[in-house]
Amino acid sequence: LRNNTSLEYLNLENNGGITNNGLKLLLKLVNDVSSINSTLQSNHTLQTSGLSALNKDSAPNEIEKQIRHALVINQENADDSAAAGREKVISTQLNSLTRKELCRQQGIDECN
């Protein structure tokens, strides 16, 4: 999915739930903050995931919020993946607090 240029919707409904590790991997897929280059090479095509249907009875956790944020950026820049990449760099890589939190969420010990 990292190099996906056509899949816009990934249906995660009815999968019996997704683990926190699964959410971390999905977040890293749509906004890898291990480096600026990794963010630029993240998936900018995927626009929806069906995550909201998974946890209907509970509020989204921080990882889910970050996934949704990345997907919104993809939606808003559906015709220009380079613009989506730039927006993700600006919103996550250039904000040290956000970047630090995303590194923690993605299990990245040290962001370059």
C-alpha atoms as a PDB file:
ATOM      1  CA  LEU A   1       0.000   0.000   0.000  1.00  0.00           C
ATOM      2  CA  ARG A   2       2.949   2.337   0.468  1.00  0.00           C
ATOM      3  CA  ASN A   3       3.389   2.708  -3.295  1.00  0.00           C
ATOM      4  CA  ASN A   4      -0.338   2.628  -4.014  1.00  0.00           C
ATOM      5  CA  THR A   5      -1.488   5.142  -6.609  1.00  0.00           C
ATOM      6  CA  SER A   6      -5.050   3.923  -7.196  1.00  0.00           C
ATOM      7  CA  LEU A   7      -6.659   2.510  -4.019  1.00  0.00           C
ATOM      8  CA  GLU A   8      -8.640   5.330  -2.400  1.00  0.00           C
ATOM      9  CA  TYR A   9     -10.825   3.364   0.030  1.00  0.00           C
ATOM     10  CA  LEU A  10      -9.751   0.589   2.383  1.00  0.00           C
ATOM     11  CA  ASN A  11     -12.692  -1.046   4.159  1.00  0.00           C
ATOM     12  CA  LEU A  12     -11.647  -2.091   7.656  1.00  0.00           C
ATOM     13  CA  GLU A  13     -15.195  -2.691   8.866  1.00  0.00           C
ATOM     14  CA  ASN A  14     -16.230  -6.142  10.128  1.00  0.00           C
ATOM     15  CA  ASN A  15     -12.669  -7.248  10.816  1.00  0.00           C
ATOM     16  CA  GLY A  16     -13.273  -7.956  14.479  1.00  0.00           C
ATOM     17  CA  GLY A  17     -11.406  -4.823  15.492  1.00  0.00           C
ATOM     18  CA  ILE A  18      -7.970  -3.572  14.697  1.00  0.00           C
ATOM     19  CA  THR A  19      -5.175  -3.713  17.247  1.00  0.00           C
ATOM     20  CA  ASN A  20      -3.167  -0.733  18.393  1.00  0.00           C
ATOM     21  CA  ASN A  21      -0.195  -2.143  16.470  1.00  0.00           C
ATOM     22  CA  GLY A  22      -2.350  -2.314  13.354  1.00  0.00           C
ATOM     23  CA  LEU A  23      -3.351   1.319  13.835  1.00  0.00           C
ATOM     24  CA  LYS A  24       0.317   2.294  14.227  1.00  0.00           C
ATOM     25  CA  LEU A  25       1.158   0.569  10.952  1.00  0.00           C
ATOM     26  CA  LEU A  26      -1.724   2.285   9.170  1.00  0.00           C
ATOM     27  CA  LEU A  27      -0.607   5.653  10.551  1.00  0.00           C
ATOM     28  CA  LYS A  28       2.949   5.025   9.384  1.00  0.00           C
ATOM     29  CA  LEU A  29       1.598   4.080   5.962  1.00  0.00           C
ATOM     30  CA  VAL A  30      -0.275   7.360   5.480  1.00  0.00           C
ATOM     31  CA  ASN A  31       2.190   9.622   7.318  1.00  0.00           C
ATOM     32  CA  ASP A  32       5.592   8.136   8.108  1.00  0.00           C
ATOM     33  CA  VAL A  33       7.424  10.738  10.216  1.00  0.00           C
ATOM     34  CA  SER A  34      10.752   8.912  10.508  1.00  0.00           C
ATOM     35  CA  SER A  35      12.178  11.527   8.117  1.00  0.00           C
ATOM     36  CA  ILE A  36      10.949  14.277   5.816  1.00  0.00           C
ATOM     37  CA  ASN A  37      11.678  12.037   2.835  1.00  0.00           C
ATOM     38  CA  SER A  38       9.630   9.235   4.425  1.00  0.00           C
ATOM     39  CA  THR A  39       6.717  11.635   4.900  1.00  0.00           C
ATOM     40  CA  LEU A  40       6.954  12.694   1.252  1.00  0.00           C
ATOM     41  CA  GLN A  41       6.972   9.013   0.215  1.00  0.00           C
ATOM     42  CA  SER A  42       4.001   8.065   2.424  1.00  0.00           C
ATOM     43  CA  ASN A  43       0.720   7.030   0.848  1.00  0.00           C
ATOM     44  CA  HIS A  44      -1.126  10.120  -0.416  1.00  0.00           C
ATOM     45  CA  THR A  45      -3.820   8.260  -2.404  1.00  0.00           C
ATOM     46  CA  LEU A  46      -5.793   6.470   0.325  1.00  0.00           C
ATOM     47  CA  GLN A  47      -8.657   8.752   1.377  1.00  0.00           C
ATOM     48  CA  THR A  48     -10.911   6.685   3.641  1.00  0.00           C
ATOM     49  CA  SER A  49     -10.391   3.647   5.821  1.00  0.00           C
ATOM     50  CA  GLY A  50     -13.689   2.754   7.456  1.00  0.00           C
ATOM     51  CA  LEU A  51     -12.090   3.294  10.871  1.00  0.00           C
ATOM     52  CA  SER A  52     -15.064   5.238  12.202  1.00  0.00           C
ATOM     53  CA  ALA A  53     -17.251   2.162  11.860  1.00  0.00           C
ATOM     54  CA  LEU A  54     -14.880   0.051  13.949  1.00  0.00           C
ATOM     55  CA  ASN A  55     -15.321   1.861  17.228  1.00  0.00           C
ATOM     56  CA  LYS A  56     -18.856   3.195  17.081  1.00  0.00           C
ATOM     57  CA  ASP A  57     -19.217   3.067  20.862  1.00  0.00           C
ATOM     58  CA  SER A  58     -16.001   4.891  21.764  1.00  0.00           C
ATOM     59  CA  ALA A  59     -14.193   8.078  20.891  1.00  0.00           C
ATOM     60  CA  PRO A  60     -11.243   7.734  18.517  1.00  0.00           C
ATOM     61  CA  ASN A  61      -7.851   7.452  20.165  1.00  0.00           C
ATOM     62  CA  GLU A  62      -4.929   9.730  19.253  1.00  0.00           C
ATOM     63  CA  ILE A  63      -3.567   7.362  16.616  1.00  0.00           C
ATOM     64  CA  GLU A  64      -6.964   7.175  14.903  1.00  0.00           C
ATOM     65  CA  LYS A  65      -7.181  10.979  14.966  1.00  0.00           C
ATOM     66  CA  GLN A  66      -3.779  11.254  13.274  1.00  0.00           C
ATOM     67  CA  ILE A  67      -4.788   8.672  10.648  1.00  0.00           C
ATOM     68  CA  ARG A  68      -7.950  10.643   9.926  1.00  0.00           C
ATOM     69  CA  HIS A  69      -5.947  13.871   9.722  1.00  0.00           C
ATOM     70  CA  ALA A  70      -3.633  12.324   7.113  1.00  0.00           C
ATOM     71  CA  LEU A  71      -6.606  10.950   5.160  1.00  0.00           C
ATOM     72  CA  VAL A  72      -8.268  14.387   5.135  1.00  0.00           C
ATOM     73  CA  ILE A  73      -5.063  15.847   3.700  1.00  0.00           C
ATOM     74  CA  ASN A  74      -5.180  13.135   1.025  1.00  0.00           C
ATOM     75  CA  GLN A  75      -8.830  13.951   0.274  1.00  0.00           C
ATOM     76  CA  GLU A  76      -8.177  17.686   0.023  1.00  0.00           C
ATOM     77  CA  ASN A  77      -5.283  17.066  -2.358  1.00  0.00           C
ATOM     78  CA  ALA A  78      -6.747  14.156  -4.310  1.00  0.00           C
ATOM     79  CA  ASP A  79      -5.517  15.539  -7.628  1.00  0.00           C
ATOM     80  CA  ASP A  80      -2.009  16.415  -6.421  1.00  0.00           C
ATOM     81  CA  SER A  81      -0.156  13.860  -4.312  1.00  0.00           C
ATOM     82  CA  ALA A  82       2.922  16.107  -4.135  1.00  0.00           C
ATOM     83  CA  ALA A  83       0.771  18.799  -2.497  1.00  0.00           C
ATOM     84  CA  ALA A  84      -0.504  16.220  -0.006  1.00  0.00           C
ATOM     85  CA  GLY A  85       3.069  15.285   0.835  1.00  0.00           C
ATOM     86  CA  ARG A  86       4.069  18.923   1.319  1.00  0.00           C
ATOM     87  CA  GLU A  87       1.071  19.572   3.556  1.00  0.00           C
ATOM     88  CA  LYS A  88       1.918  16.536   5.700  1.00  0.00           C
ATOM     89  CA  VAL A  89       5.518  17.733   6.052  1.00  0.00           C
ATOM     90  CA  ILE A  90       4.344  21.199   7.089  1.00  0.00           C
ATOM     91  CA  SER A  91       1.715  19.958   9.537  1.00  0.00           C
ATOM     92  CA  THR A  92       3.824  17.234  11.155  1.00  0.00           C
ATOM     93  CA  GLN A  93       7.539  17.543  10.445  1.00  0.00           C
ATOM     94  CA  LEU A  94       7.799  21.279  11.075  1.00  0.00           C
ATOM     95  CA  ASN A  95       5.894  21.150  14.369  1.00  0.00           C
ATOM     96  CA  SER A  96       8.320  19.625  16.865  1.00  0.00           C
ATOM     97  CA  LEU A  97       5.648  18.686  19.422  1.00  0.00           C
ATOM     98  CA  THR A  98       3.440  17.008  16.827  1.00  0.00           C
ATOM     99  CA  ARG A  99       6.449  15.245  15.315  1.00  0.00           C
ATOM    100  CA  LYS A 100       7.603  13.991  18.710  1.00  0.00           C
ATOM    101  CA  GLU A 101       4.127  12.608  19.471  1.00  0.00           C
ATOM    102  CA  LEU A 102       3.844  10.963  16.040  1.00  0.00           C
ATOM    103  CA  CYS A 103       7.279   9.371  16.487  1.00  0.00           C
ATOM    104  CA  ARG A 104       6.079   7.958  19.812  1.00  0.00           C
ATOM    105  CA  GLN A 105       2.836   6.706  18.258  1.00  0.00           C
ATOM    106  CA  GLN A 106       4.687   5.062  15.372  1.00  0.00           C
ATOM    107  CA  GLY A 107       7.255   3.443  17.622  1.00  0.00           C
ATOM    108  CA  ILE A 108      10.114   5.412  16.147  1.00  0.00           C
ATOM    109  CA  ASP A 109      12.853   5.831  18.743  1.00  0.00           C
ATOM    110  CA  GLU A 110      14.625   8.672  17.019  1.00  0.00           C
ATOM    111  CA  CYS A 111      13.317  10.820  14.214  1.00  0.00           C
ATOM    112  CA  ASN A 112      15.966  12.022  11.766  1.00  0.00           C
END
